[in-house]
Protein backbone atom coordinates (compact mmCIF):
# COMPACT_ATOMS: atom_id res chain seq x y z
CA MET A 1 9.86 -224.87 52.26
CA LYS A 2 11.26 -226.95 49.43
CA LEU A 3 9.69 -230.56 49.21
CA VAL A 4 11.71 -233.43 47.03
CA GLU A 5 9.43 -236.79 46.44
CA SER A 6 11.43 -240.28 46.54
CA VAL A 7 10.37 -243.44 46.02
CA PRO A 8 12.97 -245.96 47.12
CA ASN A 9 12.70 -250.03 45.86
CA PHE A 10 13.54 -252.54 48.29
CA SER A 11 14.55 -256.17 47.43
CA GLU A 12 12.28 -257.70 50.18
CA GLY A 13 8.72 -258.50 49.48
CA ARG A 14 7.62 -261.38 51.85
CA ARG A 15 8.91 -260.67 55.60
CA LYS A 16 6.48 -257.74 56.97
CA GLU A 17 8.20 -257.46 59.67
CA VAL A 18 11.44 -256.12 57.71
CA VAL A 19 10.03 -254.00 55.15
CA GLU A 20 8.62 -251.92 58.48
CA LYS A 21 11.86 -251.88 60.16
CA ILE A 22 12.77 -250.09 56.88
CA VAL A 23 10.14 -247.87 56.40
CA ALA A 24 10.28 -247.12 60.18
CA GLU A 25 13.34 -245.40 59.86
CA ALA A 26 11.91 -242.52 57.86
CA LYS A 27 9.27 -242.09 60.08
CA LYS A 28 12.15 -240.88 62.86
CA TYR A 29 12.23 -237.42 61.26
CA ASP A 30 10.34 -234.29 61.15
CA ARG A 31 9.05 -232.77 57.91
CA VAL A 32 9.47 -236.35 56.02
CA TRP A 33 6.28 -237.94 55.43
CA VAL A 34 5.32 -241.44 54.29
CA LEU A 35 2.91 -241.39 51.85
CA ASP A 36 2.72 -245.37 51.20
CA TRP A 37 4.04 -248.44 50.88
CA SER A 38 3.66 -251.72 49.69
CA MET A 39 5.06 -255.42 49.12
CA ASP A 40 4.83 -257.82 46.45
CA ALA A 41 5.77 -261.76 47.13
CA ASP A 42 6.12 -262.22 44.14
CA HIS A 43 8.45 -259.62 42.50
CA ASN A 44 10.07 -260.01 46.20
CA ARG A 45 10.15 -256.38 46.15
CA SER A 46 8.53 -253.66 47.98
CA VAL A 47 8.04 -249.37 46.96
CA VAL A 48 8.16 -246.75 49.37
CA THR A 49 6.91 -243.41 48.60
CA LEU A 50 8.16 -240.54 50.58
CA VAL A 51 7.70 -236.43 50.25
CA GLY A 52 9.82 -234.37 52.75
CA GLU A 53 12.49 -231.47 53.06
CA PRO A 54 15.99 -231.94 51.43
CA GLU A 55 17.68 -232.47 53.86
CA ASN A 56 15.79 -234.44 56.16
CA LEU A 57 14.97 -236.79 53.42
CA ILE A 58 18.58 -237.87 52.32
CA ASN A 59 19.00 -238.64 56.10
CA ALA A 60 15.78 -240.41 56.02
CA LEU A 61 17.01 -242.33 53.02
CA PHE A 62 20.38 -243.03 54.03
CA ASP A 63 18.92 -244.72 57.37
CA MET A 64 16.73 -246.46 55.50
CA THR A 65 19.23 -248.16 53.17
CA LYS A 66 21.58 -248.70 56.27
CA LYS A 67 18.61 -250.93 57.97
CA ALA A 68 17.99 -252.67 54.49
CA VAL A 69 21.89 -253.65 54.36
CA GLU A 70 21.54 -254.95 57.81
CA LEU A 71 18.25 -257.12 57.16
CA ILE A 72 18.83 -258.14 53.09
CA ASP A 73 21.21 -260.61 52.02
CA LEU A 74 20.86 -260.94 48.07
CA ARG A 75 22.82 -264.25 48.29
CA ASN A 76 19.50 -265.99 49.74
CA HIS A 77 17.09 -263.67 47.40
CA THR A 78 14.82 -264.72 44.67
CA GLY A 79 12.25 -263.11 42.61
CA GLN A 80 10.46 -262.24 39.26
CA HIS A 81 12.36 -258.55 39.37
CA PRO A 82 15.33 -257.53 38.48
CA ARG A 83 17.16 -256.80 40.94
CA MET A 84 21.16 -255.29 41.96
CA GLY A 85 21.09 -254.13 45.41
CA ALA A 86 19.46 -254.68 48.82
CA ALA A 87 18.67 -250.91 48.65
CA ASP A 88 18.11 -251.52 44.82
CA VAL A 89 17.02 -247.79 43.45
CA ILE A 90 16.75 -244.54 45.14
CA PRO A 91 15.27 -241.55 42.86
CA LEU A 92 14.75 -237.93 43.76
CA VAL A 93 11.76 -236.28 41.96
CA PRO A 94 11.67 -232.19 42.52
CA LEU A 95 7.97 -231.74 43.95
CA TYR A 96 8.02 -227.98 45.04
CA ASN A 97 10.14 -225.29 45.13
CA VAL A 98 13.04 -227.10 44.04
CA THR A 99 14.71 -227.57 40.31
CA MET A 100 16.20 -230.62 39.01
CA ASP A 101 19.41 -229.30 39.16
CA GLU A 102 19.01 -229.53 42.85
CA CYS A 103 17.23 -233.06 42.72
CA VAL A 104 21.07 -233.82 41.26
CA GLN A 105 23.39 -232.16 43.81
CA TYR A 106 20.96 -234.36 46.77
CA SER A 107 21.64 -237.38 44.90
CA LYS A 108 25.21 -236.86 44.81
CA ILE A 109 25.07 -235.91 48.56
CA LEU A 110 23.38 -239.20 49.44
CA GLY A 111 25.44 -241.50 46.31
CA LYS A 112 28.57 -240.29 48.81
CA ARG A 113 27.35 -240.53 52.22
CA ILE A 114 26.05 -244.59 51.06
CA GLY A 115 29.48 -245.16 49.19
CA GLU A 116 31.42 -244.60 52.17
CA GLU A 117 29.78 -244.64 54.97
CA LEU A 118 27.92 -248.21 54.37
CA GLY A 119 30.69 -249.70 51.86
CA VAL A 120 27.81 -249.74 49.18
CA PRO A 121 28.94 -249.15 45.50
CA VAL A 122 26.74 -246.60 44.44
CA TYR A 123 26.00 -245.73 40.61
CA LEU A 124 24.13 -242.43 39.42
CA TYR A 125 21.59 -242.61 36.87
CA GLU A 126 19.00 -240.83 35.07
CA LYS A 127 19.20 -237.04 35.16
CA SER A 128 22.20 -237.50 37.90
CA ALA A 129 24.26 -239.92 35.29
CA THR A 130 28.21 -239.02 34.86
CA HIS A 131 27.87 -241.11 31.63
CA PRO A 132 25.75 -241.95 28.68
CA GLU A 133 24.97 -245.24 29.06
CA ARG A 134 24.10 -244.93 33.19
CA GLU A 135 21.10 -242.64 31.75
CA ASN A 136 19.38 -245.75 31.82
CA LEU A 137 18.70 -247.49 35.29
CA ALA A 138 18.37 -251.00 33.22
CA ASN A 139 21.91 -250.77 31.51
CA ILE A 140 23.17 -250.48 35.28
CA ARG A 141 21.34 -253.58 36.67
CA ARG A 142 21.76 -255.58 33.97
CA GLY A 143 23.43 -258.72 34.97
CA GLU A 144 21.85 -258.07 38.43
CA PHE A 145 23.29 -258.97 42.00
CA GLU A 146 25.11 -262.43 40.78
CA GLY A 147 26.75 -260.62 37.68
CA PHE A 148 27.94 -257.76 39.39
CA PHE A 149 30.70 -259.43 40.95
CA GLU A 150 32.49 -259.60 37.19
CA LYS A 151 30.96 -256.56 35.97
CA ILE A 152 32.30 -253.96 38.39
CA LYS A 153 35.80 -254.99 37.30
CA ASP A 154 35.32 -253.45 33.89
CA PRO A 155 36.65 -249.76 34.28
CA MET A 156 33.34 -248.58 32.49
CA TRP A 157 31.68 -249.89 35.73
CA LYS A 158 33.46 -248.40 38.18
CA PRO A 159 31.06 -247.09 40.70
CA ASP A 160 30.57 -243.37 40.95
CA PHE A 161 30.69 -243.78 44.61
CA GLY A 162 32.04 -246.63 47.33
CA PRO A 163 34.31 -248.97 47.20
CA ASP A 164 35.36 -250.76 43.96
CA ARG A 165 34.17 -254.35 44.86
CA VAL A 166 30.42 -255.06 45.25
CA HIS A 167 28.85 -255.38 49.07
CA PRO A 168 29.21 -259.21 49.56
CA SER A 169 25.01 -259.56 50.40
CA ALA A 170 23.74 -255.81 49.50
CA GLY A 171 25.20 -255.66 46.53
CA VAL A 172 25.06 -252.11 44.82
CA THR A 173 23.10 -249.17 44.83
CA ALA A 174 21.17 -246.67 42.08
CA VAL A 175 20.82 -243.27 43.16
CA GLY A 176 19.42 -240.91 40.75
CA ALA A 177 17.24 -237.46 40.06
CA ARG A 178 14.25 -237.92 37.30
CA GLU A 179 10.95 -237.08 36.57
CA PHE A 180 7.76 -238.48 37.72
CA LEU A 181 7.92 -242.48 37.13
CA ILE A 182 4.86 -244.93 36.91
CA ALA A 183 5.05 -248.11 37.62
CA PHE A 184 2.35 -249.86 36.06
CA ASN A 185 1.36 -253.70 36.13
CA VAL A 186 -1.37 -255.27 33.62
CA ASN A 187 -2.07 -258.99 34.85
CA LEU A 188 -3.02 -261.65 31.91
CA GLY A 189 -5.60 -264.81 31.95
CA THR A 190 -2.95 -267.30 30.93
CA GLY A 191 -0.08 -268.90 33.00
CA ASP A 192 2.19 -268.66 29.51
CA VAL A 193 4.89 -266.12 30.08
CA ARG A 194 5.85 -266.13 26.47
CA ILE A 195 3.17 -264.17 26.00
CA ALA A 196 3.90 -261.71 28.64
CA GLU A 197 7.42 -261.43 27.23
CA LYS A 198 6.05 -260.74 24.01
CA ILE A 199 3.65 -258.19 24.60
CA ALA A 200 6.09 -256.37 26.75
CA LYS A 201 8.52 -256.32 23.86
CA ALA A 202 5.67 -254.89 21.55
CA ILE A 203 5.46 -252.03 23.97
CA ARG A 204 8.99 -251.00 25.17
CA PHE A 205 10.85 -248.21 23.25
CA SER A 206 14.35 -250.35 23.68
CA SER A 207 12.80 -252.83 21.16
CA GLY A 208 10.42 -251.00 19.04
CA GLY A 209 7.70 -249.79 20.77
CA LEU A 210 6.39 -246.84 22.55
CA ARG A 211 8.90 -243.92 23.82
CA TYR A 212 9.25 -244.38 27.49
CA VAL A 213 7.88 -246.99 28.54
CA LYS A 214 10.17 -249.84 29.80
CA ALA A 215 8.23 -253.30 30.27
CA ILE A 216 9.00 -256.70 31.22
CA GLY A 217 6.87 -260.59 31.36
CA ILE A 218 6.75 -262.20 34.58
CA GLU A 219 5.27 -265.32 36.11
CA LEU A 220 3.18 -264.90 39.09
CA LYS A 221 3.57 -268.46 39.86
CA GLU A 222 1.43 -268.42 43.10
CA LYS A 223 -1.75 -267.08 40.95
CA GLY A 224 -1.50 -269.16 37.88
CA ILE A 225 -1.01 -265.99 35.51
CA VAL A 226 1.45 -263.74 34.44
CA GLN A 227 2.04 -260.14 34.13
CA VAL A 228 3.48 -257.19 32.02
CA SER A 229 5.03 -255.22 34.31
CA ILE A 230 5.78 -251.84 33.12
CA ASN A 231 7.45 -248.45 33.96
CA ILE A 232 6.26 -245.06 32.32
CA THR A 233 8.84 -242.42 32.26
CA ASN A 234 7.70 -239.83 31.03
CA HIS A 235 3.93 -240.15 31.47
CA LYS A 236 2.72 -236.73 29.88
CA LYS A 237 4.28 -237.61 26.28
CA THR A 238 3.55 -241.58 26.57
CA PRO A 239 0.09 -241.33 28.54
CA LEU A 240 -1.13 -244.46 30.64
CA TYR A 241 -4.27 -244.70 28.37
CA ARG A 242 -2.07 -245.59 25.39
CA VAL A 243 0.23 -248.08 26.73
CA PHE A 244 -2.72 -249.83 28.43
CA GLU A 245 -4.99 -249.75 24.49
CA MET A 246 -1.73 -251.28 23.37
CA ILE A 247 -1.59 -253.95 26.00
CA LYS A 248 -5.48 -254.74 25.26
CA MET A 249 -4.64 -254.99 21.14
CA GLU A 250 -1.45 -257.16 22.31
CA ALA A 251 -3.46 -259.63 24.05
CA GLU A 252 -6.07 -260.00 21.84
CA ARG A 253 -3.69 -261.25 18.82
CA TYR A 254 -3.14 -264.52 21.25
CA GLY A 255 -6.45 -264.83 22.43
CA VAL A 256 -5.69 -263.53 26.14
CA PRO A 257 -7.87 -261.32 28.13
CA VAL A 258 -6.56 -258.31 30.38
CA LEU A 259 -7.89 -259.41 34.01
CA SER A 260 -6.60 -256.32 35.83
CA SER A 261 -3.93 -253.80 36.54
CA GLU A 262 -2.60 -252.01 38.96
CA ILE A 263 -0.52 -249.03 40.30
CA VAL A 264 2.32 -249.43 42.40
CA GLY A 265 3.30 -246.12 44.85
CA LEU A 266 1.68 -243.32 43.64
CA PHE A 267 1.41 -241.11 39.93
CA PRO A 268 0.34 -237.91 39.15
CA LEU A 269 -3.16 -236.41 39.05
CA ASP A 270 -2.13 -235.38 35.37
CA SER A 271 -2.10 -238.84 34.27
CA LEU A 272 -5.73 -239.75 35.72
CA ILE A 273 -7.04 -236.74 34.43
CA GLN A 274 -5.30 -237.99 30.82
CA THR A 275 -6.66 -241.07 31.24
CA VAL A 276 -10.20 -240.30 32.37
CA SER A 277 -10.40 -237.95 29.31
CA TYR A 278 -9.44 -240.30 27.35
CA TYR A 279 -12.26 -243.34 28.17
CA LEU A 280 -14.68 -240.69 28.83
CA ARG A 281 -14.07 -238.52 25.41
CA THR A 282 -14.31 -235.23 28.01
CA ASN A 283 -12.06 -232.35 27.91
CA LEU A 284 -11.27 -232.88 31.96
CA ASN A 285 -8.96 -230.48 33.66
CA SER A 286 -7.66 -229.95 36.94
CA LYS A 287 -9.81 -226.88 37.48
CA LYS A 288 -12.67 -229.60 37.49
CA VAL A 289 -10.85 -231.46 39.87
CA ILE A 290 -12.43 -230.08 43.16
CA GLU A 291 -9.44 -231.29 45.39
CA SER A 292 -7.01 -229.75 43.05
CA ASN A 293 -8.70 -226.29 43.50
CA LEU A 294 -8.83 -227.01 47.61
CA LEU A 295 -5.13 -227.44 47.35
CA ASP A 296 -4.41 -224.97 45.17
CA ILE A 297 -6.18 -222.39 47.98
CA LEU A 298 -4.59 -223.98 50.56
CA VAL A 299 -0.68 -223.39 49.39
CA LYS A 300 -1.57 -219.98 48.69
CA GLU A 301 -2.59 -219.61 51.99
CA ALA A 302 0.35 -221.29 53.65
CA GLY A 303 2.49 -219.00 51.73
CA LYS A 304 0.62 -215.76 52.88
């Protein structure tokens, strides 16, 4: 069996009935499992975690994208999280018996189909990128939905698949193969979004912070607080605990408490082990986790 993980992000976090219809498209397929899905009203975004055999997973992702194009109109969309498409980004992650190169090929199959059948321009990113400036998703998304109508006219931003014009309501979509990504949010005890923005600037790599970290500061108006919203693109080289400790250190400079944090979607066991080992000052590894040993046994038995 080959297994690929995908964590598609959709630009809808306030209408549960819409997100449920999108998720339902994946549940029609055998050998595709919906492991998790969540909504965030402030971000106005939903994140779905799927695992499946490649062919069925690609079909499920296409159907989810098609449903999102039908139900989401970015002309009426507002939210704190940057976005450029109804189906904003669709990553493919090699999970079991699959190489990164294979995931690159799967991303091209999916991207081509979205572009040709749905009329949505598609950009390949990360390991699938056809141009160096497209490896970083933030570069593609810059300008967001509203700015893309002008941006797409630049030959440099000609889509990899689909029409050379933005879909009027569904925008554009990024598809690509990548490593595991940890989406991590830290809530701060202040309503001053400038503090969150300063902390985000201090920790993100693009402005001199930690390697493999992307971050923005946003305001959670309904809660009266602010948040540092983070993506860790390589948790093995920049572990979660290091990011969290740096945020705490920077927050202390402004006399602001860290209220809570949250993981969006799922994250790897290795990252949890790294974090627990740091805070407990112990030599924890996967062999000391009973579920990990049990999983090894089940995988070996399944392979017989």
